[in-house]
Structures are given as C-alpha cells and as structure tokens.
C-alpha cells in the first residue's frame, strides 16, 4: 500500500459537519488508520486483525470449538469457518477431532503457528506502539480504559 493509497481522515476542502462531533465517527477513522498500518506490518505473514485475534485466542485456549471461537470474536459461525480455513491454508491452525464429541472439531495451532505467533505478536506490539507514539503513557492508558468502557457498555 503506497502513501497515496492511505486513508486521509480529513480531505482538504470537504465539510464534515456533525460527523466531526461524533465519537463513533472518530473511533472509526482511527480504526481505519490502525487497520492500514496493521496490514502493512503483517504482510510477510498474511495476517489480518481477525486472524491474529483467532491465533491468540486459540493458542491460549487449546481445544476451543469453532462455535466458541465465533462467539468470542463476535462473528457468525460461517465467518469463523472462513477464518479458520484461511489459517489452515497458511499452515497456522488445525482442526482436531474433539475427544468429547465425535461430531465436533477442536482448534489448535500447528507448530508453525506457534512459532510464527511469537514473531507476529512482536510485530503487532511494535505496530501498536508506532501508531500510538504521539500519545504519552497516561494518554495511552486513558484511551485504552475509555475504549474498554465503551466496548463493555450495555446498550
């Protein structure tokens, strides 16, 4: 992705009106910027934010079922199937017979998945640090706390 293809939060000469006062719009613009830098950092591994999340969750919860992963990630089961299929194609994840249910499969990282997750995690942490470097440590902590508060809020 070249610099000319990167998202521009505000195009000069364009009026945004009420959008500039909406928290959701500001969060979305920040998310687009973070997504772009994430994709560039993860290019060597073919990893997207959902793929990284799935790898981390499965690595810490071996034996997780596909339906459980879908629920944890807030996606449809069909989306989880596509996600796991992609990670299998990359050689990072495998489906194993679930010992307690012959009709189900449990998820596990492959040895390659475990090894690459260490490198991928380091790259993600470096990318996250680079994106938030203009914030001091208190601002980063406040932002993180406020985003968690919004994401946990009951509607």
N, C-alpha and C. Protein backbone atom coordinates (compact mmCIF):
# COMPACT_ATOMS: atom_id res chain seq x y z
N UNK A 1 0.85 -1.16 0.00
CA UNK A 1 0.00 0.00 0.00
C UNK A 1 0.90 1.23 0.00
N UNK A 2 0.74 2.08 -1.00
CA UNK A 2 1.57 3.28 -1.08
C UNK A 2 0.96 4.40 -0.24
N UNK A 3 1.77 5.42 0.02
CA UNK A 3 1.29 6.55 0.82
C UNK A 3 0.07 7.21 0.18
N UNK A 4 0.02 7.22 -1.16
CA UNK A 4 -1.12 7.85 -1.84
C UNK A 4 -2.41 7.05 -1.67
N UNK A 5 -2.29 5.78 -1.29
CA UNK A 5 -3.47 4.94 -1.08
C UNK A 5 -3.97 4.96 0.36
N UNK A 6 -3.20 5.55 1.27
CA UNK A 6 -3.57 5.55 2.68
C UNK A 6 -4.79 6.43 2.92
N UNK A 7 -5.57 6.04 3.90
CA UNK A 7 -6.77 6.77 4.31
C UNK A 7 -6.39 8.17 4.78
N UNK A 8 -7.16 9.15 4.36
CA UNK A 8 -6.98 10.53 4.80
C UNK A 8 -8.17 10.86 5.69
N UNK A 9 -7.92 11.14 6.96
CA UNK A 9 -9.01 11.37 7.92
C UNK A 9 -9.85 12.58 7.54
N UNK A 10 -9.22 13.62 7.04
CA UNK A 10 -9.94 14.81 6.59
C UNK A 10 -9.38 15.25 5.25
N UNK A 11 -10.22 15.21 4.25
CA UNK A 11 -9.83 15.65 2.92
C UNK A 11 -9.96 17.18 2.90
N UNK A 12 -8.90 17.89 2.52
CA UNK A 12 -8.97 19.35 2.50
C UNK A 12 -10.13 19.85 1.63
N UNK A 13 -10.83 20.85 2.14
CA UNK A 13 -11.93 21.45 1.39
C UNK A 13 -13.27 20.76 1.57
N UNK A 14 -13.31 19.64 2.28
CA UNK A 14 -14.56 18.91 2.49
C UNK A 14 -15.11 19.25 3.86
N UNK A 15 -16.39 19.56 3.93
CA UNK A 15 -17.07 19.83 5.19
C UNK A 15 -17.63 18.52 5.75
N UNK A 16 -17.40 18.25 7.01
CA UNK A 16 -17.84 17.01 7.63
C UNK A 16 -19.00 17.21 8.60
N UNK A 17 -19.31 18.44 8.92
CA UNK A 17 -20.47 18.74 9.75
C UNK A 17 -20.51 17.97 11.05
N UNK A 18 -21.67 17.40 11.33
CA UNK A 18 -21.91 16.69 12.58
C UNK A 18 -20.97 15.50 12.78
N UNK A 19 -20.46 14.95 11.70
CA UNK A 19 -19.57 13.79 11.81
C UNK A 19 -18.38 14.07 12.72
N UNK A 20 -17.85 15.29 12.65
CA UNK A 20 -16.69 15.63 13.47
C UNK A 20 -16.99 15.67 14.96
N UNK A 21 -18.26 15.70 15.34
CA UNK A 21 -18.62 15.73 16.76
C UNK A 21 -19.01 14.34 17.29
N UNK A 22 -19.03 13.34 16.43
CA UNK A 22 -19.46 12.00 16.82
C UNK A 22 -18.28 11.14 17.24
N UNK A 23 -18.37 10.57 18.43
CA UNK A 23 -17.32 9.69 18.94
C UNK A 23 -17.15 8.48 18.02
N UNK A 24 -18.26 7.90 17.60
CA UNK A 24 -18.20 6.73 16.74
C UNK A 24 -17.47 6.99 15.44
N UNK A 25 -17.68 8.17 14.87
CA UNK A 25 -17.00 8.53 13.62
C UNK A 25 -15.50 8.67 13.86
N UNK A 26 -15.12 9.30 14.97
CA UNK A 26 -13.69 9.45 15.29
C UNK A 26 -13.04 8.08 15.55
N UNK A 27 -13.75 7.20 16.25
CA UNK A 27 -13.23 5.85 16.51
C UNK A 27 -13.05 5.11 15.19
N UNK A 28 -14.02 5.24 14.30
CA UNK A 28 -13.94 4.54 13.01
C UNK A 28 -12.76 5.06 12.18
N UNK A 29 -12.55 6.37 12.17
CA UNK A 29 -11.41 6.92 11.41
C UNK A 29 -10.10 6.41 11.99
N UNK A 30 -9.99 6.38 13.31
CA UNK A 30 -8.77 5.86 13.95
C UNK A 30 -8.60 4.38 13.63
N UNK A 31 -9.70 3.64 13.62
CA UNK A 31 -9.64 2.20 13.33
C UNK A 31 -9.15 1.95 11.91
N UNK A 32 -9.60 2.76 10.97
CA UNK A 32 -9.15 2.61 9.59
C UNK A 32 -7.64 2.82 9.51
N UNK A 33 -7.14 3.86 10.16
CA UNK A 33 -5.70 4.14 10.14
C UNK A 33 -4.92 2.99 10.78
N UNK A 34 -5.40 2.50 11.91
CA UNK A 34 -4.71 1.41 12.59
C UNK A 34 -4.75 0.13 11.76
N UNK A 35 -5.87 -0.12 11.09
CA UNK A 35 -6.01 -1.30 10.24
C UNK A 35 -4.98 -1.24 9.10
N UNK A 36 -4.86 -0.08 8.48
CA UNK A 36 -3.90 0.06 7.37
C UNK A 36 -2.47 -0.25 7.81
N UNK A 37 -2.07 0.30 8.94
CA UNK A 37 -0.70 0.05 9.39
C UNK A 37 -0.52 -1.39 9.85
N UNK A 38 -1.58 -1.98 10.40
CA UNK A 38 -1.54 -3.38 10.81
C UNK A 38 -1.31 -4.27 9.58
N UNK A 39 -2.08 -4.04 8.53
CA UNK A 39 -1.98 -4.85 7.31
C UNK A 39 -0.57 -4.74 6.71
N UNK A 40 -0.01 -3.54 6.71
CA UNK A 40 1.35 -3.37 6.17
C UNK A 40 2.37 -4.13 7.03
N UNK A 41 2.22 -4.07 8.34
CA UNK A 41 3.16 -4.76 9.24
C UNK A 41 3.03 -6.28 9.15
N UNK A 42 1.84 -6.77 8.84
CA UNK A 42 1.57 -8.21 8.82
C UNK A 42 1.73 -8.84 7.45
N UNK A 43 2.06 -8.03 6.46
CA UNK A 43 2.18 -8.54 5.09
C UNK A 43 3.06 -9.78 4.96
N UNK A 44 4.20 -9.87 5.65
CA UNK A 44 5.04 -11.08 5.50
C UNK A 44 4.33 -12.37 5.90
N UNK A 45 3.34 -12.28 6.77
CA UNK A 45 2.67 -13.48 7.27
C UNK A 45 1.26 -13.67 6.72
N UNK A 46 0.72 -12.69 6.02
CA UNK A 46 -0.65 -12.79 5.52
C UNK A 46 -1.69 -12.73 6.62
N UNK A 47 -1.39 -11.99 7.68
CA UNK A 47 -2.26 -11.94 8.85
C UNK A 47 -3.10 -10.66 8.84
N UNK A 48 -4.38 -10.81 9.16
CA UNK A 48 -5.31 -9.70 9.34
C UNK A 48 -5.63 -9.60 10.83
N UNK A 49 -6.27 -8.51 11.26
CA UNK A 49 -6.64 -8.44 12.67
C UNK A 49 -7.48 -9.63 13.16
N UNK A 50 -8.50 -10.07 12.42
CA UNK A 50 -9.25 -11.25 12.90
C UNK A 50 -8.39 -12.52 12.96
N UNK A 51 -7.50 -12.69 12.01
CA UNK A 51 -6.63 -13.88 12.02
C UNK A 51 -5.71 -13.85 13.23
N UNK A 52 -5.15 -12.68 13.53
CA UNK A 52 -4.28 -12.55 14.71
C UNK A 52 -5.08 -12.84 15.98
N UNK A 53 -6.26 -12.25 16.08
CA UNK A 53 -7.10 -12.49 17.27
C UNK A 53 -7.40 -13.96 17.44
N UNK A 54 -7.76 -14.63 16.35
CA UNK A 54 -8.08 -16.06 16.42
C UNK A 54 -6.87 -16.87 16.86
N UNK A 55 -5.71 -16.53 16.33
CA UNK A 55 -4.49 -17.27 16.70
C UNK A 55 -4.19 -17.10 18.19
N UNK A 56 -4.30 -15.87 18.69
CA UNK A 56 -4.02 -15.63 20.11
C UNK A 56 -5.02 -16.38 20.97
N UNK A 57 -6.31 -16.29 20.64
CA UNK A 57 -7.35 -16.94 21.44
C UNK A 57 -7.17 -18.45 21.45
N UNK A 58 -6.93 -19.04 20.28
CA UNK A 58 -6.76 -20.50 20.21
C UNK A 58 -5.48 -20.93 20.91
N UNK A 59 -4.42 -20.13 20.79
CA UNK A 59 -3.16 -20.50 21.46
C UNK A 59 -3.32 -20.56 22.97
N UNK A 60 -4.16 -19.72 23.51
CA UNK A 60 -4.36 -19.66 24.97
C UNK A 60 -5.49 -20.56 25.45
N UNK A 61 -6.29 -21.06 24.50
CA UNK A 61 -7.45 -21.90 24.84
C UNK A 61 -7.50 -23.11 23.92
N UNK A 62 -6.48 -23.98 23.96
CA UNK A 62 -6.46 -25.13 23.06
C UNK A 62 -7.69 -26.00 23.27
N UNK A 63 -8.18 -26.53 22.17
CA UNK A 63 -9.37 -27.38 22.24
C UNK A 63 -10.66 -26.61 22.04
N UNK A 64 -10.56 -25.31 21.83
CA UNK A 64 -11.73 -24.48 21.60
C UNK A 64 -12.47 -24.98 20.36
N UNK A 65 -13.77 -24.96 20.39
CA UNK A 65 -14.59 -25.35 19.24
C UNK A 65 -14.81 -24.13 18.34
N UNK A 66 -15.13 -24.39 17.09
CA UNK A 66 -15.38 -23.34 16.12
C UNK A 66 -16.51 -22.42 16.58
N UNK A 67 -17.58 -23.00 17.10
CA UNK A 67 -18.71 -22.18 17.55
C UNK A 67 -18.31 -21.29 18.73
N UNK A 68 -17.44 -21.78 19.59
CA UNK A 68 -16.96 -20.96 20.71
C UNK A 68 -16.11 -19.81 20.20
N UNK A 69 -15.24 -20.09 19.24
CA UNK A 69 -14.40 -19.04 18.67
C UNK A 69 -15.27 -17.96 18.03
N UNK A 70 -16.29 -18.37 17.29
CA UNK A 70 -17.19 -17.41 16.66
C UNK A 70 -17.83 -16.50 17.70
N UNK A 71 -18.32 -17.09 18.78
CA UNK A 71 -18.98 -16.30 19.83
C UNK A 71 -17.99 -15.33 20.48
N UNK A 72 -16.80 -15.81 20.82
CA UNK A 72 -15.78 -14.97 21.46
C UNK A 72 -15.42 -13.78 20.57
N UNK A 73 -15.33 -14.02 19.26
CA UNK A 73 -14.91 -12.97 18.34
C UNK A 73 -16.07 -12.12 17.85
N UNK A 74 -17.30 -12.51 18.18
CA UNK A 74 -18.45 -11.72 17.76
C UNK A 74 -18.74 -11.82 16.28
N UNK A 75 -18.50 -13.01 15.71
CA UNK A 75 -18.76 -13.22 14.29
C UNK A 75 -19.68 -14.43 14.12
N UNK A 76 -20.27 -14.54 12.94
CA UNK A 76 -21.12 -15.69 12.63
C UNK A 76 -20.26 -16.95 12.51
N UNK A 77 -20.88 -18.09 12.73
CA UNK A 77 -20.16 -19.36 12.60
C UNK A 77 -19.56 -19.49 11.21
N UNK A 78 -20.31 -19.07 10.19
CA UNK A 78 -19.80 -19.16 8.82
C UNK A 78 -18.55 -18.30 8.65
N UNK A 79 -18.50 -17.16 9.32
CA UNK A 79 -17.31 -16.31 9.29
C UNK A 79 -16.13 -16.98 9.97
N UNK A 80 -16.41 -17.69 11.06
CA UNK A 80 -15.35 -18.41 11.77
C UNK A 80 -14.80 -19.55 10.90
N UNK A 81 -15.68 -20.19 10.13
CA UNK A 81 -15.24 -21.26 9.22
C UNK A 81 -14.25 -20.68 8.20
N UNK A 82 -14.61 -19.55 7.61
CA UNK A 82 -13.74 -18.91 6.62
C UNK A 82 -12.41 -18.50 7.26
N UNK A 83 -12.48 -17.97 8.46
CA UNK A 83 -11.29 -17.55 9.20
C UNK A 83 -10.36 -18.73 9.48
N UNK A 84 -10.91 -19.81 9.99
CA UNK A 84 -10.10 -20.99 10.31
C UNK A 84 -9.57 -21.63 9.02
N UNK A 85 -10.39 -21.66 7.97
CA UNK A 85 -9.91 -22.18 6.68
C UNK A 85 -8.67 -21.41 6.21
N UNK A 86 -8.71 -20.08 6.32
CA UNK A 86 -7.58 -19.26 5.89
C UNK A 86 -6.34 -19.55 6.73
N UNK A 87 -6.53 -19.70 8.03
CA UNK A 87 -5.39 -20.00 8.91
C UNK A 87 -4.85 -21.41 8.67
N UNK A 88 -5.72 -22.34 8.29
CA UNK A 88 -5.25 -23.68 7.92
C UNK A 88 -4.43 -23.61 6.64
N UNK A 89 -4.90 -22.84 5.65
CA UNK A 89 -4.17 -22.70 4.39
C UNK A 89 -2.79 -22.10 4.61
N UNK A 90 -2.68 -21.20 5.57
CA UNK A 90 -1.39 -20.59 5.90
C UNK A 90 -0.50 -21.52 6.72
N UNK A 91 -1.07 -22.65 7.17
CA UNK A 91 -0.32 -23.62 7.96
C UNK A 91 -0.24 -23.27 9.44
N UNK A 92 -1.12 -22.37 9.91
CA UNK A 92 -1.07 -21.90 11.29
C UNK A 92 -2.03 -22.61 12.24
N UNK A 93 -3.11 -23.16 11.72
CA UNK A 93 -4.12 -23.75 12.59
C UNK A 93 -4.56 -25.09 12.03
N UNK A 94 -5.05 -25.94 12.92
CA UNK A 94 -5.56 -27.24 12.50
C UNK A 94 -6.83 -27.57 13.29
N UNK A 95 -7.66 -28.37 12.63
CA UNK A 95 -8.85 -28.90 13.29
C UNK A 95 -8.52 -30.33 13.73
N UNK A 96 -8.80 -30.63 14.98
CA UNK A 96 -8.55 -31.96 15.52
C UNK A 96 -9.86 -32.53 16.02
N UNK A 97 -10.04 -33.85 15.95
CA UNK A 97 -11.27 -34.43 16.49
C UNK A 97 -11.42 -34.07 17.97
N UNK A 98 -12.62 -33.63 18.34
CA UNK A 98 -12.89 -33.29 19.74
C UNK A 98 -13.09 -34.58 20.52
N UNK A 99 -12.33 -34.80 21.56
CA UNK A 99 -12.41 -36.07 22.30
C UNK A 99 -13.78 -36.34 22.90
N UNK A 100 -14.49 -35.29 23.30
CA UNK A 100 -15.78 -35.49 23.97
C UNK A 100 -16.98 -35.48 23.02
N UNK A 101 -16.75 -35.15 21.72
CA UNK A 101 -17.85 -35.08 20.76
C UNK A 101 -17.32 -35.44 19.38
N UNK A 102 -17.65 -36.64 18.92
CA UNK A 102 -17.10 -37.12 17.65
C UNK A 102 -17.58 -36.30 16.46
N UNK A 103 -18.66 -35.54 16.63
CA UNK A 103 -19.17 -34.72 15.52
C UNK A 103 -18.46 -33.38 15.42
N UNK A 104 -17.74 -33.00 16.45
CA UNK A 104 -17.13 -31.67 16.51
C UNK A 104 -15.61 -31.74 16.35
N UNK A 105 -15.05 -30.59 16.08
CA UNK A 105 -13.60 -30.46 15.98
C UNK A 105 -13.13 -29.42 16.99
N UNK A 106 -11.96 -29.66 17.54
CA UNK A 106 -11.34 -28.65 18.40
C UNK A 106 -10.23 -27.99 17.59
N UNK A 107 -9.92 -26.77 17.93
CA UNK A 107 -8.94 -25.99 17.20
C UNK A 107 -7.62 -25.96 17.96
N UNK A 108 -6.53 -25.98 17.21
CA UNK A 108 -5.20 -25.89 17.81
C UNK A 108 -4.26 -25.24 16.80
N UNK A 109 -3.26 -24.54 17.32
CA UNK A 109 -2.23 -24.02 16.44
C UNK A 109 -1.28 -25.15 16.06
N UNK A 110 -0.78 -25.08 14.85
CA UNK A 110 0.26 -26.01 14.42
C UNK A 110 1.58 -25.56 15.04
N UNK A 111 2.61 -26.36 14.88
CA UNK A 111 3.93 -25.95 15.37
C UNK A 111 4.37 -24.67 14.66
N UNK A 112 4.11 -24.60 13.35
CA UNK A 112 4.44 -23.38 12.60
C UNK A 112 3.64 -22.20 13.14
N UNK A 113 2.36 -22.43 13.45
CA UNK A 113 1.52 -21.37 14.00
C UNK A 113 2.05 -20.86 15.33
N UNK A 114 2.47 -21.79 16.19
CA UNK A 114 3.02 -21.40 17.50
C UNK A 114 4.31 -20.59 17.32
N UNK A 115 5.18 -21.06 16.44
CA UNK A 115 6.46 -20.37 16.23
C UNK A 115 6.26 -18.99 15.61
N UNK A 116 5.42 -18.92 14.58
CA UNK A 116 5.21 -17.64 13.91
C UNK A 116 4.41 -16.67 14.78
N UNK A 117 3.54 -17.18 15.65
CA UNK A 117 2.77 -16.29 16.52
C UNK A 117 3.68 -15.46 17.41
N UNK A 118 4.80 -16.00 17.82
CA UNK A 118 5.76 -15.24 18.63
C UNK A 118 6.27 -14.04 17.83
N UNK A 119 6.65 -14.27 16.57
CA UNK A 119 7.15 -13.19 15.71
C UNK A 119 6.04 -12.21 15.36
N UNK A 120 4.87 -12.75 15.04
CA UNK A 120 3.72 -11.92 14.68
C UNK A 120 3.33 -11.02 15.85
N UNK A 121 3.29 -11.58 17.05
CA UNK A 121 2.93 -10.80 18.24
C UNK A 121 3.91 -9.65 18.46
N UNK A 122 5.19 -9.92 18.30
CA UNK A 122 6.20 -8.86 18.46
C UNK A 122 5.98 -7.76 17.42
N UNK A 123 5.66 -8.15 16.18
CA UNK A 123 5.41 -7.16 15.13
C UNK A 123 4.14 -6.37 15.41
N UNK A 124 3.10 -7.03 15.92
CA UNK A 124 1.85 -6.34 16.26
C UNK A 124 2.10 -5.34 17.39
N UNK A 125 2.85 -5.75 18.40
CA UNK A 125 3.14 -4.84 19.51
C UNK A 125 3.96 -3.64 19.04
N UNK A 126 4.90 -3.86 18.13
CA UNK A 126 5.69 -2.75 17.58
C UNK A 126 4.81 -1.82 16.76
N UNK A 127 3.90 -2.39 15.98
CA UNK A 127 2.98 -1.59 15.17
C UNK A 127 2.07 -0.78 16.08
N UNK A 128 1.56 -1.38 17.13
CA UNK A 128 0.67 -0.69 18.06
C UNK A 128 1.41 0.47 18.74
N UNK A 129 2.65 0.23 19.10
CA UNK A 129 3.46 1.28 19.74
C UNK A 129 3.71 2.42 18.76
N UNK A 130 4.00 2.10 17.51
CA UNK A 130 4.26 3.13 16.50
C UNK A 130 3.02 3.99 16.25
N UNK A 131 1.86 3.35 16.22
CA UNK A 131 0.62 4.08 15.95
C UNK A 131 0.24 5.00 17.10
N UNK A 132 0.60 4.62 18.32
CA UNK A 132 0.20 5.41 19.49
C UNK A 132 1.34 6.25 20.06
N UNK A 133 2.46 6.36 19.33
CA UNK A 133 3.63 7.06 19.86
C UNK A 133 3.39 8.54 20.14
N UNK A 134 2.40 9.15 19.48
CA UNK A 134 2.15 10.57 19.73
C UNK A 134 1.40 10.81 21.04
N UNK A 135 0.98 9.73 21.69
CA UNK A 135 0.31 9.82 22.99
C UNK A 135 1.31 9.48 24.10
N UNK A 136 1.27 10.24 25.19
CA UNK A 136 2.14 9.86 26.31
C UNK A 136 1.51 8.66 27.02
N UNK A 137 2.23 8.10 27.98
CA UNK A 137 1.76 6.85 28.61
C UNK A 137 0.42 7.03 29.32
N UNK A 138 0.18 8.19 29.93
CA UNK A 138 -1.10 8.44 30.59
C UNK A 138 -2.23 8.51 29.56
N UNK A 139 -1.98 9.20 28.46
CA UNK A 139 -3.00 9.30 27.40
C UNK A 139 -3.31 7.91 26.82
N UNK A 140 -2.27 7.10 26.62
CA UNK A 140 -2.50 5.75 26.11
C UNK A 140 -3.35 4.94 27.09
N UNK A 141 -3.03 5.02 28.37
CA UNK A 141 -3.80 4.29 29.38
C UNK A 141 -5.24 4.80 29.44
N UNK A 142 -5.41 6.13 29.37
CA UNK A 142 -6.76 6.71 29.39
C UNK A 142 -7.56 6.26 28.17
N UNK A 143 -6.93 6.33 27.00
CA UNK A 143 -7.61 5.91 25.77
C UNK A 143 -8.03 4.44 25.86
N UNK A 144 -7.12 3.61 26.30
CA UNK A 144 -7.41 2.18 26.42
C UNK A 144 -8.56 1.94 27.40
N UNK A 145 -8.51 2.61 28.54
CA UNK A 145 -9.56 2.47 29.55
C UNK A 145 -10.91 2.93 29.00
N UNK A 146 -10.93 4.06 28.31
CA UNK A 146 -12.18 4.60 27.77
C UNK A 146 -12.75 3.71 26.66
N UNK A 147 -11.88 3.19 25.80
CA UNK A 147 -12.35 2.28 24.75
C UNK A 147 -12.92 1.00 25.34
N UNK A 148 -12.28 0.47 26.39
CA UNK A 148 -12.82 -0.72 27.07
C UNK A 148 -14.18 -0.40 27.69
N UNK A 149 -14.29 0.79 28.25
CA UNK A 149 -15.56 1.21 28.86
C UNK A 149 -16.66 1.26 27.80
N UNK A 150 -16.35 1.83 26.64
CA UNK A 150 -17.33 1.88 25.56
C UNK A 150 -17.68 0.49 25.03
N UNK A 151 -16.68 -0.36 24.89
CA UNK A 151 -16.94 -1.70 24.33
C UNK A 151 -17.70 -2.58 25.30
N UNK A 152 -17.57 -2.32 26.60
CA UNK A 152 -18.28 -3.12 27.60
C UNK A 152 -19.63 -2.53 27.99
N UNK A 153 -19.97 -1.37 27.46
CA UNK A 153 -21.21 -0.69 27.84
C UNK A 153 -22.43 -1.47 27.37
N UNK A 154 -23.40 -1.57 28.24
CA UNK A 154 -24.67 -2.22 27.88
C UNK A 154 -25.48 -1.25 27.04
N UNK A 155 -26.11 -1.78 26.02
CA UNK A 155 -26.94 -0.93 25.15
C UNK A 155 -28.39 -1.14 25.50
